[in-house]
């Protein structure tokens, strides 16, 4: 019920903002202050944003302050929606790819085509989710493929083959990855493989696995459920056995932090490399393992947008243009792979990613952006996501009827997909 209320609040607040027209800059009598909501409280990320903002402020006396307001990752969109519905919209906001269709089609966001510098440099596939027709409504500042961080020390301790050698030999597959993870869990007191941010609730992170089976949450037009399709049943059966039979992944209620040395492998994005501490353990970064359909990549995106009924829309749009220009996009690439073709070279990315090798950047980031699919997204994303999560709950038991549970997911969401 709570989620339905928030979904309605999102729609109502976005429509309300859209109906009122442009921003309020014209009434300002002095320098304005800009507020941008973000979902990261990472100190390194905030320091970089502050550095870019300080440089902008030095040349723009009409803006007195730019603050970055971290909201909890787990309920970021809900909190942002609450601020909008409560008449306290930020000037700028990060937006998850999962809720992009809601925001982009709402009319609440300001068009960005006139403020984004060198827009012809943007990769078409990276901006597709953030356009309505030909108009760009959010800049996908983070277009980040998922990869597998590997703790080589733990894998060596368990007597398992080096995943990098398996990749070189064309043997980096889900079967081998799960085999290695299970062996580490059996031979040490550490976990095998963690799909970070899944935690048996963030089901869309499982797209990093099921895409290797050719499965989709729903059809490309968003109207037909894919959870009961044979490819999805095979993928989720594999996952269920990896958890409850092989012990390759921590079970429900068990946590393990790769970056604290508690797991052999984790699937996440390169922005998390900032969590690695010097010399804590020997690590590597590899592409996702190949599935039955072969090699593949999955991309998570974050867009930055201007709320056109935010307090200072015109000034916010100008700052967004500065934040996302080629020079600052190169700086942001340290954590957030850019959508700019000119920056997507191993040599360029290596200049701002000293932790990663050119080979890692090529295999995971550049090839991933070129070939990857974006995590699931849909209009009414909050209500659909909650329905999927609730319907999947019975799957996280050792004796679960996998095909039956997945059929139940489709029963739950098909009325929502039909609109």
Protein backbone atom coordinates (compact mmCIF):
# COMPACT_ATOMS: atom_id res chain seq x y z
CA UNK A 1 0.00 0.00 0.00
CA UNK A 2 2.84 2.37 0.90
CA UNK A 3 4.41 1.84 -2.49
CA UNK A 4 1.17 2.54 -4.30
CA UNK A 5 0.88 5.77 -2.40
CA UNK A 6 4.43 6.76 -3.38
CA UNK A 7 3.80 5.84 -7.01
CA UNK A 8 0.74 8.04 -7.03
CA UNK A 9 2.72 10.77 -5.31
CA UNK A 10 5.43 10.56 -7.96
CA UNK A 11 2.96 10.86 -10.80
CA UNK A 12 1.01 13.65 -9.14
CA UNK A 13 4.06 15.65 -8.14
CA UNK A 14 5.74 15.34 -11.53
CA UNK A 15 2.57 16.23 -13.38
CA UNK A 16 2.02 19.14 -11.04
CA UNK A 17 5.46 20.49 -11.69
CA UNK A 18 5.08 20.07 -15.42
CA UNK A 19 1.75 21.89 -15.50
CA UNK A 20 3.14 25.01 -13.91
CA UNK A 21 5.63 25.86 -16.67
CA UNK A 22 9.12 27.27 -16.24
CA UNK A 23 11.27 28.04 -13.23
CA UNK A 24 11.43 31.09 -10.98
CA UNK A 25 14.86 32.56 -11.75
CA UNK A 26 13.38 35.83 -12.95
CA UNK A 27 12.31 36.81 -9.44
CA UNK A 28 15.71 36.42 -7.81
CA UNK A 29 17.27 39.58 -6.36
CA UNK A 30 20.73 38.23 -5.73
CA UNK A 31 23.06 35.26 -5.96
CA UNK A 32 21.20 31.96 -5.78
CA UNK A 33 22.08 28.72 -4.05
CA UNK A 34 21.75 25.43 -5.94
CA UNK A 35 20.97 22.06 -4.37
CA UNK A 36 21.54 18.76 -6.14
CA UNK A 37 20.34 15.44 -4.73
CA UNK A 38 22.69 12.51 -5.21
CA UNK A 39 22.69 8.92 -3.95
CA UNK A 40 26.36 8.63 -3.03
CA UNK A 41 27.84 9.77 0.26
CA UNK A 42 31.27 8.47 -0.72
CA UNK A 43 33.85 11.04 0.40
CA UNK A 44 35.90 10.72 -2.79
CA UNK A 45 32.81 11.29 -4.95
CA UNK A 46 31.74 14.32 -2.91
CA UNK A 47 35.24 15.80 -3.02
CA UNK A 48 35.26 15.61 -6.81
CA UNK A 49 31.83 17.24 -7.10
CA UNK A 50 32.86 19.99 -4.70
CA UNK A 51 36.03 20.60 -6.75
CA UNK A 52 34.00 21.05 -9.95
CA UNK A 53 31.44 23.24 -8.16
CA UNK A 54 34.13 25.49 -6.68
CA UNK A 55 35.61 26.08 -10.14
CA UNK A 56 32.15 27.01 -11.45
CA UNK A 57 31.46 29.38 -8.56
CA UNK A 58 34.73 31.22 -9.19
CA UNK A 59 33.47 32.37 -12.60
CA UNK A 60 29.75 32.72 -11.81
CA UNK A 61 29.05 35.31 -9.13
CA UNK A 62 25.29 34.92 -9.63
CA UNK A 63 25.53 31.55 -7.87
CA UNK A 64 26.59 31.78 -4.24
CA UNK A 65 26.65 28.11 -3.31
CA UNK A 66 26.22 24.63 -4.78
CA UNK A 67 25.43 21.88 -2.30
CA UNK A 68 25.25 18.16 -2.93
CA UNK A 69 22.59 16.44 -0.84
CA UNK A 70 23.19 12.67 -0.45
CA UNK A 71 19.99 10.68 -0.01
CA UNK A 72 20.01 7.04 1.13
CA UNK A 73 20.59 4.71 -1.82
CA UNK A 74 17.94 2.23 -0.65
CA UNK A 75 15.03 4.69 -0.85
CA UNK A 76 16.53 7.43 -3.00
CA UNK A 77 13.65 7.79 -5.47
CA UNK A 78 11.04 7.67 -2.70
CA UNK A 79 12.80 10.45 -0.79
CA UNK A 80 13.23 12.55 -3.93
CA UNK A 81 9.56 12.05 -4.74
CA UNK A 82 8.60 13.12 -1.23
CA UNK A 83 10.63 16.32 -1.59
CA UNK A 84 8.97 17.10 -4.91
CA UNK A 85 5.49 16.33 -3.62
CA UNK A 86 6.18 18.46 -0.53
CA UNK A 87 7.05 21.55 -2.56
CA UNK A 88 10.77 21.28 -1.84
CA UNK A 89 12.21 20.08 -5.16
CA UNK A 90 15.97 20.23 -5.62
CA UNK A 91 17.39 22.29 -8.47
CA UNK A 92 19.11 19.24 -9.94
CA UNK A 93 18.77 15.53 -9.26
CA UNK A 94 20.40 12.24 -10.08
CA UNK A 95 17.88 9.76 -11.44
CA UNK A 96 18.13 5.96 -11.48
CA UNK A 97 17.71 4.20 -14.80
CA UNK A 98 14.82 2.21 -13.28
CA UNK A 99 12.69 5.36 -12.86
CA UNK A 100 13.96 7.18 -15.98
CA UNK A 101 10.80 6.52 -18.06
CA UNK A 102 8.62 8.08 -15.34
CA UNK A 103 10.71 11.24 -15.08
CA UNK A 104 11.58 11.64 -18.75
CA UNK A 105 7.99 11.39 -19.97
CA UNK A 106 6.48 13.43 -17.13
CA UNK A 107 7.27 16.86 -18.54
CA UNK A 108 8.78 17.82 -15.18
CA UNK A 109 12.37 17.94 -16.44
CA UNK A 110 13.91 20.81 -18.37
CA UNK A 111 15.16 20.10 -21.92
CA UNK A 112 18.95 19.90 -22.03
CA UNK A 113 19.81 20.02 -25.73
CA UNK A 114 20.78 23.69 -25.54
CA UNK A 115 23.04 23.32 -22.47
CA UNK A 116 24.96 20.07 -23.09
CA UNK A 117 28.28 20.84 -24.79
CA UNK A 118 29.31 18.84 -27.87
CA UNK A 119 26.12 16.77 -27.80
CA UNK A 120 27.15 15.08 -31.05
CA UNK A 121 29.84 13.32 -29.00
CA UNK A 122 27.24 11.44 -26.92
CA UNK A 123 26.86 7.72 -27.65
CA UNK A 124 23.34 7.20 -29.04
CA UNK A 125 22.71 3.98 -27.13
CA UNK A 126 23.72 5.69 -23.87
CA UNK A 127 21.20 8.52 -24.25
CA UNK A 128 18.25 6.50 -25.59
CA UNK A 129 16.65 5.97 -22.17
CA UNK A 130 16.90 9.67 -21.36
CA UNK A 131 15.16 11.10 -24.42
CA UNK A 132 11.51 11.70 -25.20
CA UNK A 133 11.42 11.84 -28.96
CA UNK A 134 14.53 13.75 -30.01
CA UNK A 135 14.74 15.83 -26.81
CA UNK A 136 17.28 15.00 -24.12
CA UNK A 137 15.88 15.40 -20.58
CA UNK A 138 18.72 13.96 -18.50
CA UNK A 139 22.44 13.54 -19.10
CA UNK A 140 23.58 9.96 -18.37
CA UNK A 141 26.73 11.04 -16.56
CA UNK A 142 27.27 7.49 -15.31
CA UNK A 143 27.03 4.79 -17.95
CA UNK A 144 28.69 2.04 -16.04
CA UNK A 145 28.92 -1.62 -17.03
CA UNK A 146 28.94 -4.21 -14.28
CA UNK A 147 32.08 -6.25 -13.76
CA UNK A 148 33.41 -8.85 -11.35
CA UNK A 149 35.92 -7.75 -8.72
CA UNK A 150 38.07 -10.73 -7.72
CA UNK A 151 40.03 -11.33 -4.49
CA UNK A 152 42.93 -13.32 -5.92
CA UNK A 153 44.34 -14.07 -2.47
CA UNK A 154 41.22 -15.95 -1.39
CA UNK A 155 41.02 -17.85 -4.66
CA UNK A 156 44.66 -18.90 -4.38
CA UNK A 157 44.10 -19.95 -0.76
CA UNK A 158 41.25 -22.20 -1.92
CA UNK A 159 43.46 -23.74 -4.62
CA UNK A 160 41.28 -22.52 -7.46
CA UNK A 161 42.37 -21.37 -10.94
CA UNK A 162 42.92 -17.67 -11.56
CA UNK A 163 39.74 -16.24 -13.18
CA UNK A 164 41.93 -14.01 -15.38
CA UNK A 165 43.57 -17.13 -16.80
CA UNK A 166 40.12 -18.62 -17.34
CA UNK A 167 39.10 -15.46 -19.22
CA UNK A 168 42.20 -15.64 -21.40
CA UNK A 169 41.46 -19.28 -22.17
CA UNK A 170 37.80 -18.60 -23.00
CA UNK A 171 36.73 -20.49 -19.85
CA UNK A 172 35.37 -17.59 -17.77
CA UNK A 173 31.83 -18.93 -17.56
CA UNK A 174 29.10 -18.84 -14.94
CA UNK A 175 29.64 -22.56 -14.28
CA UNK A 176 33.32 -21.97 -13.52
CA UNK A 177 32.69 -18.78 -11.54
CA UNK A 178 30.16 -20.51 -9.29
CA UNK A 179 32.47 -23.52 -8.93
CA UNK A 180 35.26 -21.25 -7.75
CA UNK A 181 32.94 -19.38 -5.40
CA UNK A 182 31.67 -22.60 -3.84
CA UNK A 183 35.22 -23.86 -3.37
CA UNK A 184 36.28 -20.66 -1.59
CA UNK A 185 33.26 -20.81 0.68
CA UNK A 186 34.07 -24.45 1.52
CA UNK A 187 37.82 -24.00 2.04
CA UNK A 188 37.81 -20.68 3.92
CA UNK A 189 35.61 -18.80 6.34
CA UNK A 190 34.74 -16.29 3.62
CA UNK A 191 31.86 -16.02 1.14
CA UNK A 192 32.15 -16.98 -2.52
CA UNK A 193 30.29 -14.59 -4.85
CA UNK A 194 28.18 -11.58 -3.88
CA UNK A 195 25.88 -9.75 -6.29
CA UNK A 196 26.25 -6.39 -4.58
CA UNK A 197 23.07 -4.43 -3.75
CA UNK A 198 20.87 -7.48 -4.48
CA UNK A 199 20.39 -8.58 -0.85
CA UNK A 200 17.35 -10.65 -1.90
CA UNK A 201 15.39 -7.45 -2.51
CA UNK A 202 17.06 -5.53 -5.35
CA UNK A 203 15.95 -8.09 -7.92
CA UNK A 204 16.91 -5.94 -10.94
CA UNK A 205 20.59 -6.54 -10.07
CA UNK A 206 19.98 -10.18 -11.03
CA UNK A 207 19.87 -8.98 -14.64
CA UNK A 208 23.66 -9.20 -14.40
CA UNK A 209 23.14 -12.97 -14.32
CA UNK A 210 19.97 -13.75 -16.26
CA UNK A 211 21.06 -11.72 -19.32
CA UNK A 212 23.68 -14.44 -19.83
CA UNK A 213 20.79 -16.83 -20.43
CA UNK A 214 19.09 -14.42 -22.85
CA UNK A 215 16.32 -13.69 -20.34
CA UNK A 216 14.48 -10.37 -19.88
CA UNK A 217 12.16 -9.12 -17.15
CA UNK A 218 9.72 -8.01 -19.84
CA UNK A 219 9.56 -7.54 -23.59
CA UNK A 220 11.23 -4.59 -25.28
CA UNK A 221 7.92 -2.72 -25.47
CA UNK A 222 7.35 -3.40 -21.75
CA UNK A 223 3.98 -5.09 -22.21
CA UNK A 224 4.77 -8.83 -21.89
CA UNK A 225 6.21 -10.46 -18.78
CA UNK A 226 9.42 -12.45 -19.28
CA UNK A 227 9.80 -14.06 -15.86
CA UNK A 228 8.04 -17.30 -16.85
CA UNK A 229 9.94 -17.71 -20.11
CA UNK A 230 12.17 -20.81 -20.34
CA UNK A 231 15.38 -18.76 -20.43
CA UNK A 232 14.45 -17.00 -17.17
CA UNK A 233 13.44 -20.29 -15.52
CA UNK A 234 16.82 -21.79 -16.46
CA UNK A 235 18.73 -18.74 -15.20
CA UNK A 236 16.89 -18.53 -11.88
CA UNK A 237 17.15 -22.29 -11.38
CA UNK A 238 20.92 -21.95 -11.82
CA UNK A 239 20.99 -19.11 -9.28
CA UNK A 240 18.82 -21.02 -6.80
CA UNK A 241 21.09 -24.06 -6.97
CA UNK A 242 24.19 -21.86 -6.63
CA UNK A 243 22.78 -20.42 -3.40
CA UNK A 244 21.03 -23.34 -1.75
CA UNK A 245 22.92 -26.39 -3.14
CA UNK A 246 26.46 -25.22 -3.91
CA UNK A 247 26.73 -22.51 -1.25
CA UNK A 248 28.45 -20.30 -3.81
CA UNK A 249 26.49 -17.18 -2.84
CA UNK A 250 25.57 -16.11 0.72
CA UNK A 251 22.01 -17.09 1.56
CA UNK A 252 19.22 -14.74 2.67
CA UNK A 253 20.09 -12.83 5.82
CA UNK A 254 23.84 -13.30 5.40
CA UNK A 255 26.01 -10.38 4.35
CA UNK A 256 29.60 -10.29 3.12
CA UNK A 257 31.51 -7.20 2.00
CA UNK A 258 34.01 -7.94 -0.76
CA UNK A 259 35.83 -4.68 -0.17
CA UNK A 260 36.43 -5.67 3.46
CA UNK A 261 37.95 -8.97 2.32
CA UNK A 262 34.89 -11.02 3.24
CA UNK A 263 34.15 -12.51 -0.21
CA UNK A 264 36.09 -13.92 -3.14
CA UNK A 265 34.15 -12.11 -5.85
CA UNK A 266 31.52 -9.40 -6.20
CA UNK A 267 29.52 -8.08 -9.14
CA UNK A 268 29.32 -4.30 -9.14
CA UNK A 269 30.41 -1.17 -11.03
CA UNK A 270 33.83 0.50 -11.21
CA UNK A 271 32.70 3.42 -9.02
CA UNK A 272 33.05 0.97 -6.12
CA UNK A 273 36.79 0.67 -6.79
CA UNK A 274 37.13 3.69 -4.51
CA UNK A 275 36.29 1.32 -1.63
CA UNK A 276 39.49 -0.66 -2.18
CA UNK A 277 42.20 0.12 0.34
CA UNK A 278 45.87 -0.03 -0.52
CA UNK A 279 47.44 -3.49 -0.32
CA UNK A 280 44.54 -5.01 1.65
CA UNK A 281 44.54 -7.93 -0.80
CA UNK A 282 45.50 -8.75 -4.37
CA UNK A 283 42.50 -8.01 -6.59
CA UNK A 284 41.44 -8.02 -10.23
CA UNK A 285 38.48 -6.78 -12.30
CA UNK A 286 36.96 -8.93 -15.03
CA UNK A 287 33.91 -8.81 -17.32
CA UNK A 288 30.80 -10.75 -16.33
CA UNK A 289 31.18 -14.52 -16.86
CA UNK A 290 29.80 -15.88 -20.12
CA UNK A 291 26.40 -17.54 -19.94
CA UNK A 292 24.74 -20.13 -22.18
CA UNK A 293 24.16 -17.42 -24.82
CA UNK A 294 27.81 -16.34 -24.71
CA UNK A 295 29.53 -13.13 -23.65
CA UNK A 296 27.37 -10.16 -22.66
CA UNK A 297 27.37 -6.98 -20.60
CA UNK A 298 24.84 -5.16 -18.42
CA UNK A 299 24.93 -1.42 -17.78
CA UNK A 300 23.65 0.61 -14.86
CA UNK A 301 22.95 4.26 -15.62
CA UNK A 302 22.50 7.41 -13.63
CA UNK A 303 21.21 10.60 -15.22
CA UNK A 304 21.44 14.16 -13.94
CA UNK A 305 18.51 16.43 -14.69
CA UNK A 306 17.13 19.89 -13.96
CA UNK A 307 13.71 20.18 -12.30
CA UNK A 308 12.13 22.88 -14.44
CA UNK A 309 9.99 24.02 -11.50
CA UNK A 310 12.92 23.86 -9.13
CA UNK A 311 13.85 27.09 -7.36
CA UNK A 312 16.52 28.17 -9.85
CA UNK A 313 16.00 26.24 -13.08
CA UNK A 314 17.94 28.55 -15.40
CA UNK A 315 21.01 28.68 -13.16
CA UNK A 316 20.75 24.92 -12.57
CA UNK A 317 20.73 24.24 -16.30
CA UNK A 318 23.82 26.39 -16.77
CA UNK A 319 25.66 24.49 -14.04
CA UNK A 320 24.60 21.15 -15.55
CA UNK A 321 26.16 22.26 -18.84
CA UNK A 322 29.40 22.99 -16.98
CA UNK A 323 29.30 19.80 -14.92
CA UNK A 324 28.92 17.64 -18.01
CA UNK A 325 31.25 19.41 -20.45
CA UNK A 326 34.06 17.29 -21.93
CA UNK A 327 36.66 18.49 -19.41
CA UNK A 328 34.56 17.70 -16.36
CA UNK A 329 33.22 14.48 -17.90
CA UNK A 330 36.84 13.35 -18.08
CA UNK A 331 37.24 14.10 -14.37
CA UNK A 332 34.00 12.32 -13.46
CA UNK A 333 35.19 9.30 -15.46
CA UNK A 334 37.36 8.46 -12.45
CA UNK A 335 34.22 6.98 -10.91
CA UNK A 336 31.47 7.31 -13.50
CA UNK A 337 32.12 6.10 -17.08
CA UNK A 338 30.98 8.87 -19.43
CA UNK A 339 28.62 8.66 -22.40
CA UNK A 340 31.06 10.62 -24.56
CA UNK A 341 32.62 8.66 -27.43
CA UNK A 342 35.77 10.83 -27.41
CA UNK A 343 36.55 9.78 -23.83
CA UNK A 344 35.91 6.07 -24.26
CA UNK A 345 39.48 4.99 -24.89
CA UNK A 346 41.62 2.98 -22.51
CA UNK A 347 44.38 5.62 -22.52
CA UNK A 348 41.97 8.47 -21.72
CA UNK A 349 40.14 6.62 -18.97
CA UNK A 350 43.43 5.40 -17.49
CA UNK A 351 44.45 9.00 -16.79
CA UNK A 352 41.67 9.34 -14.22
CA UNK A 353 41.45 5.69 -13.12
CA UNK A 354 44.88 4.90 -11.67
CA UNK A 355 43.52 1.86 -9.84
CA UNK A 356 42.48 0.13 -13.06
CA UNK A 357 44.68 -1.12 -15.88
CA UNK A 358 44.03 -0.18 -19.52
CA UNK A 359 43.15 -3.83 -20.15
CA UNK A 360 40.52 -3.79 -17.38
CA UNK A 361 39.08 -0.53 -18.66
CA UNK A 362 38.90 -1.88 -22.22
CA UNK A 363 37.35 -5.24 -21.30
CA UNK A 364 34.87 -4.08 -18.67
CA UNK A 365 34.08 -0.44 -19.43
CA UNK A 366 34.62 0.32 -23.12
CA UNK A 367 33.53 -3.05 -24.49
CA UNK A 368 30.69 -3.14 -21.96
CA UNK A 369 29.26 0.22 -23.02
CA UNK A 370 29.55 -0.77 -26.68
CA UNK A 371 27.77 -4.10 -26.26
CA UNK A 372 25.77 -3.91 -23.03
CA UNK A 373 22.07 -3.73 -22.25
CA UNK A 374 20.71 -1.38 -19.58
CA UNK A 375 19.17 -2.77 -16.39
CA UNK A 376 15.36 -3.13 -16.45
CA UNK A 377 13.29 0.06 -16.46
CA UNK A 378 9.60 0.79 -16.95
CA UNK A 379 7.00 3.44 -16.36
CA UNK A 380 5.32 2.95 -12.97
CA UNK A 381 8.65 1.45 -11.94
CA UNK A 382 8.05 1.74 -8.20
CA UNK A 383 4.82 -0.25 -8.20
CA UNK A 384 6.14 -2.87 -10.63
CA UNK A 385 9.38 -3.25 -8.68
CA UNK A 386 7.52 -3.79 -5.43
CA UNK A 387 5.21 -6.36 -7.06
CA UNK A 388 8.18 -8.31 -8.47
CA UNK A 389 10.01 -8.22 -5.15
CA UNK A 390 7.01 -9.52 -3.22
CA UNK A 391 6.27 -12.25 -5.76
CA UNK A 392 9.91 -13.41 -5.73
CA UNK A 393 10.05 -13.77 -1.94
CA UNK A 394 9.01 -17.48 -1.97
CA UNK A 395 11.97 -18.20 -4.28
CA UNK A 396 14.47 -17.56 -1.51
CA UNK A 397 13.80 -20.83 0.28
CA UNK A 398 15.69 -24.08 -0.22
CA UNK A 399 12.62 -26.05 -1.35
CA UNK A 400 11.19 -23.37 -3.65
CA UNK A 401 9.24 -24.30 -6.78
CA UNK A 402 11.24 -22.09 -9.14
CA UNK A 403 8.95 -22.28 -12.23
CA UNK A 404 5.89 -21.86 -10.02
CA UNK A 405 7.28 -18.78 -8.29
CA UNK A 406 8.26 -17.18 -11.59
CA UNK A 407 4.80 -17.85 -13.02
CA UNK A 408 3.45 -16.05 -9.96
CA UNK A 409 5.62 -13.04 -10.74
CA UNK A 410 3.97 -12.73 -14.14
CA UNK A 411 0.53 -13.09 -12.59
CA UNK A 412 1.39 -10.21 -10.26
CA UNK A 413 2.79 -7.77 -12.80
CA UNK A 414 0.93 -8.47 -16.04
CA UNK A 415 -1.94 -6.09 -15.14
CA UNK A 416 0.66 -3.38 -14.39
CA UNK A 417 2.57 -3.99 -17.63
CA UNK A 418 -0.69 -3.71 -19.59
CA UNK A 419 -1.06 -0.18 -18.18
